[in-house]
Protein backbone atom coordinates (compact mmCIF):
# COMPACT_ATOMS: atom_id res chain seq x y z
CA MET A 1 110.99 127.65 114.27
CA ASN A 2 112.12 124.65 115.88
CA GLN A 3 113.15 121.77 112.88
CA ASN A 4 113.12 119.29 115.27
CA GLN A 5 109.35 118.83 115.29
CA VAL A 6 107.38 115.76 115.18
CA TYR A 7 103.67 115.17 114.20
CA THR A 8 102.29 112.47 115.52
CA LEU A 9 97.79 112.00 114.55
CA THR A 10 96.30 110.80 117.84
CA THR A 11 92.15 110.77 116.84
CA PRO A 12 92.11 110.52 112.67
CA GLY A 13 88.63 112.05 113.27
CA THR A 14 85.88 111.18 110.58
CA LEU A 15 86.00 110.96 106.65
CA PRO A 16 84.85 114.34 105.20
CA VAL A 17 82.99 111.83 102.86
CA LEU A 18 81.11 109.62 103.85
CA LYS A 19 80.63 105.78 102.34
CA ALA A 20 77.26 106.32 100.95
CA GLU A 21 77.93 109.34 99.72
CA ALA A 22 81.55 107.65 97.52
CA LYS A 23 79.36 104.54 96.49
CA LEU A 24 76.45 106.88 95.04
CA TYR A 25 79.17 108.70 93.47
CA VAL A 26 80.75 105.95 91.61
CA ARG A 27 77.56 104.26 90.87
CA VAL A 28 77.61 101.21 93.51
CA HIS A 29 74.59 99.55 94.43
CA SER A 30 75.45 96.52 96.45
CA ALA A 31 75.20 96.17 99.76
CA VAL A 32 78.44 93.58 99.39
CA VAL A 33 80.83 93.58 102.62
CA ALA A 34 83.66 93.19 100.67
CA ASP A 35 82.76 96.38 97.97
CA ASP A 36 81.84 97.93 101.30
CA ALA A 37 85.50 97.30 102.80
CA LEU A 38 87.57 98.54 100.09
CA ILE A 39 85.46 101.69 99.55
CA ASP A 40 86.37 102.72 103.32
CA SER A 41 90.09 101.65 102.78
CA MET A 42 90.13 103.32 99.62
CA LEU A 43 88.21 106.49 101.08
CA ASP A 44 91.17 107.12 104.28
CA ALA A 45 93.73 106.53 101.49
CA VAL A 46 92.61 109.07 99.38
CA CYS A 47 92.00 111.59 102.55
CA TYR A 48 95.00 110.91 104.09
CA TRP A 49 96.76 111.35 100.68
CA GLY A 50 94.91 114.75 100.11
CA GLU A 51 95.69 115.99 103.27
CA ARG A 52 99.60 114.88 103.11
CA TYR A 53 99.77 116.23 99.90
CA THR A 54 97.91 119.48 101.05
CA GLY A 55 99.55 120.12 104.32
CA ARG A 56 96.07 120.54 105.26
CA SER A 57 93.36 118.20 107.40
CA PHE A 58 89.97 117.64 106.10
CA ARG A 59 88.70 116.48 109.01
CA ALA A 60 88.87 117.48 113.18
CA GLN A 61 91.70 115.76 114.19
CA THR A 62 94.01 115.84 117.38
CA TRP A 63 97.47 116.09 116.85
CA THR A 64 100.77 115.51 119.36
CA MET A 65 103.58 117.78 118.07
CA LEU A 66 107.21 117.06 119.82
CA GLN A 67 109.94 119.53 120.02
CA ASP A 68 113.65 119.79 121.46
CA SER A 69 113.51 123.00 123.34
CA PHE A 70 111.73 125.96 123.68
CA GLY A 71 112.13 128.87 121.32
CA GLU A 72 110.75 132.35 121.33
CA ARG A 73 107.63 130.59 120.00
CA ILE A 74 106.15 127.44 118.82
CA GLU A 75 105.12 126.25 115.37
CA LEU A 76 102.15 124.58 114.48
CA ARG A 77 102.59 123.52 110.96
CA ARG A 78 98.85 121.76 110.29
CA SER A 79 95.89 123.79 109.28
CA PRO A 80 93.12 124.93 109.96
CA LEU A 81 94.30 125.02 113.52
CA ASN A 82 91.30 125.06 116.45
CA ALA A 83 93.14 124.90 119.63
CA VAL A 84 95.76 124.07 122.21
CA THR A 85 94.99 121.42 124.96
CA SER A 86 98.19 121.57 126.39
CA VAL A 87 101.80 122.30 126.34
CA LYS A 88 103.46 120.64 128.21
CA HIS A 89 108.13 119.46 129.21
CA TYR A 90 110.19 117.36 131.03
CA VAL A 91 110.93 117.99 133.86
CA ASP A 92 113.31 115.31 135.94
CA GLY A 93 111.70 112.93 133.72
CA GLU A 94 108.33 114.22 134.44
CA LEU A 95 105.85 116.22 132.03
CA ALA A 96 104.66 119.09 133.51
CA ALA A 97 102.47 121.12 132.30
CA VAL A 98 103.02 124.60 131.31
CA SER A 99 100.15 127.40 132.65
CA ALA A 100 97.61 128.47 130.15
CA ASP A 101 97.82 131.93 131.14
CA ASP A 102 101.36 131.98 129.85
CA TYR A 103 100.83 131.50 126.29
CA TYR A 104 98.10 131.71 123.06
CA LEU A 105 97.54 130.34 119.79
CA LYS A 106 97.67 132.81 117.37
CA LYS A 107 95.68 131.13 114.35
CA GLY A 108 97.48 131.66 110.80
CA ARG A 109 96.20 130.60 107.09
CA HIS A 110 99.04 128.45 106.75
CA TRP A 111 100.33 127.05 109.90
CA SER A 112 99.51 129.00 113.03
CA GLU A 113 102.36 129.81 116.41
CA ILE A 114 102.12 130.00 120.40
CA LEU A 115 103.53 133.11 121.54
CA LEU A 116 103.58 134.32 125.01
CA VAL A 117 102.05 136.70 126.84
CA ASP A 118 103.47 139.64 127.51
CA GLY A 119 105.23 139.61 131.49
CA SER A 120 105.63 135.77 130.98
CA ALA A 121 108.70 133.21 129.91
CA TRP A 122 108.97 130.09 128.85
CA PRO A 123 109.78 127.85 131.58
CA THR A 124 113.72 127.16 132.54
CA THR A 125 113.46 123.92 134.14
CA THR A 126 113.01 122.29 130.87
CA ASP A 127 115.25 118.08 131.32
CA THR A 128 118.16 118.70 128.44
CA ARG A 129 116.79 115.96 126.73
CA GLU A 130 115.25 115.47 122.83
CA GLN A 131 111.79 116.02 122.45
CA ALA A 132 111.46 117.63 125.60
CA ILE A 133 108.17 119.90 124.98
CA GLU A 134 105.58 118.17 124.45
CA VAL A 135 102.07 120.07 122.74
CA ILE A 136 99.01 118.24 122.19
CA PHE A 137 96.74 120.37 119.48
CA THR A 138 93.15 120.02 117.51
CA THR A 139 92.64 121.42 113.86
CA ALA A 140 88.89 121.98 112.84
CA LEU A 141 87.43 120.84 109.84
CA TRP A 142 88.79 122.38 106.01
CA PRO A 143 85.91 125.21 105.94
CA ASP A 144 85.84 124.97 102.11
CA ALA A 145 84.46 121.35 101.73
CA LYS A 146 82.75 121.37 98.57
CA LEU A 147 86.33 121.72 97.09
CA THR A 148 87.65 119.22 99.31
CA ASP A 149 85.27 116.56 98.76
CA ASN A 150 85.30 116.74 95.14
CA ALA A 151 89.01 115.91 95.01
CA ILE A 152 88.50 113.16 97.20
CA LEU A 153 86.00 111.77 95.19
CA ARG A 154 87.47 112.58 91.67
CA HIS A 155 90.41 110.81 93.30
CA PHE A 156 88.45 108.15 94.84
CA LEU A 157 86.43 107.30 91.72
CA HIS A 158 89.32 106.70 89.25
CA MET A 159 91.01 104.87 91.83
CA TYR A 160 87.97 102.60 92.64
CA GLU A 161 87.31 102.16 88.50
CA ASN A 162 91.38 101.29 88.19
CA ARG A 163 91.48 99.32 91.24
CA GLY A 164 92.75 95.98 89.83
CA ASP A 165 95.50 98.05 88.14
CA CYS A 166 96.80 100.37 91.28
CA ASP A 167 98.20 99.63 94.58
CA HIS A 168 96.15 102.32 97.04
CA HIS A 169 98.92 101.91 99.51
CA SER A 170 101.92 102.88 96.51
CA HIS A 171 102.72 106.73 97.14
CA SER A 172 103.21 106.36 93.42
CA ASP A 173 100.13 105.07 92.74
CA MET A 174 98.36 107.68 94.10
CA VAL A 175 100.37 109.87 92.78
CA ARG A 176 99.19 109.04 89.52
CA MET A 177 95.46 108.19 90.29
CA ALA A 178 95.80 111.64 92.02
CA ARG A 179 97.19 113.78 88.55
CA MET A 180 95.14 111.94 86.55
CA SER A 181 91.53 112.67 88.08
CA GLY A 182 92.18 115.70 88.37
CA ALA A 183 92.29 116.14 92.07
CA THR A 184 95.62 117.34 92.20
CA ASP A 185 94.23 120.70 89.82
CA LEU A 186 91.83 121.33 93.11
CA TYR A 187 94.45 120.75 95.75
CA ASP A 188 96.81 122.97 94.18
CA THR A 189 94.68 125.61 95.46
CA ILE A 190 94.72 125.69 99.02
CA LYS A 191 98.18 123.46 98.83
CA ILE A 192 100.91 125.09 101.48
CA THR A 193 104.10 125.71 99.84
CA ARG A 194 107.25 124.51 101.92
CA ALA A 195 110.36 126.46 101.46
């Protein structure tokens, strides 16, 4: 595994819990735009936090991963992985595509790997530089939406009810609210443990 991987979220994807569902859950019946903006912001924050906490994607997203060089395999530490869009590398300062015929995707429960097809090899003309390899890939919706939606709604409800006492951009407040709401109890059942 290449330890120098950098992940950038290119397309965040649609939130798995809709604003209307969240409003019903917290019994908000107003159509005040300010309330809607707050609810949107909190839903986005709790979903993002849950994805980071578990190491899973709860929505279909597009990611760009950069690493310094080719190894025997390329690990993609996002789950569930849907597909690899492209593998590129820098040659003379320009990105060049690696033929999709030379590699395949091995999907795993915690992470996935890009492996070479028998008889193929990674390019040897890659520039010697940091972040010389670029992989674009997509994640899929988390298959157990009932669990993740429940955790998101629990976390959201606790934050909404205590909105005057917390900052949903503060990491420590997010952690405290997730624990107090019981969301982490659900998330812990699907969390990817890291060595």
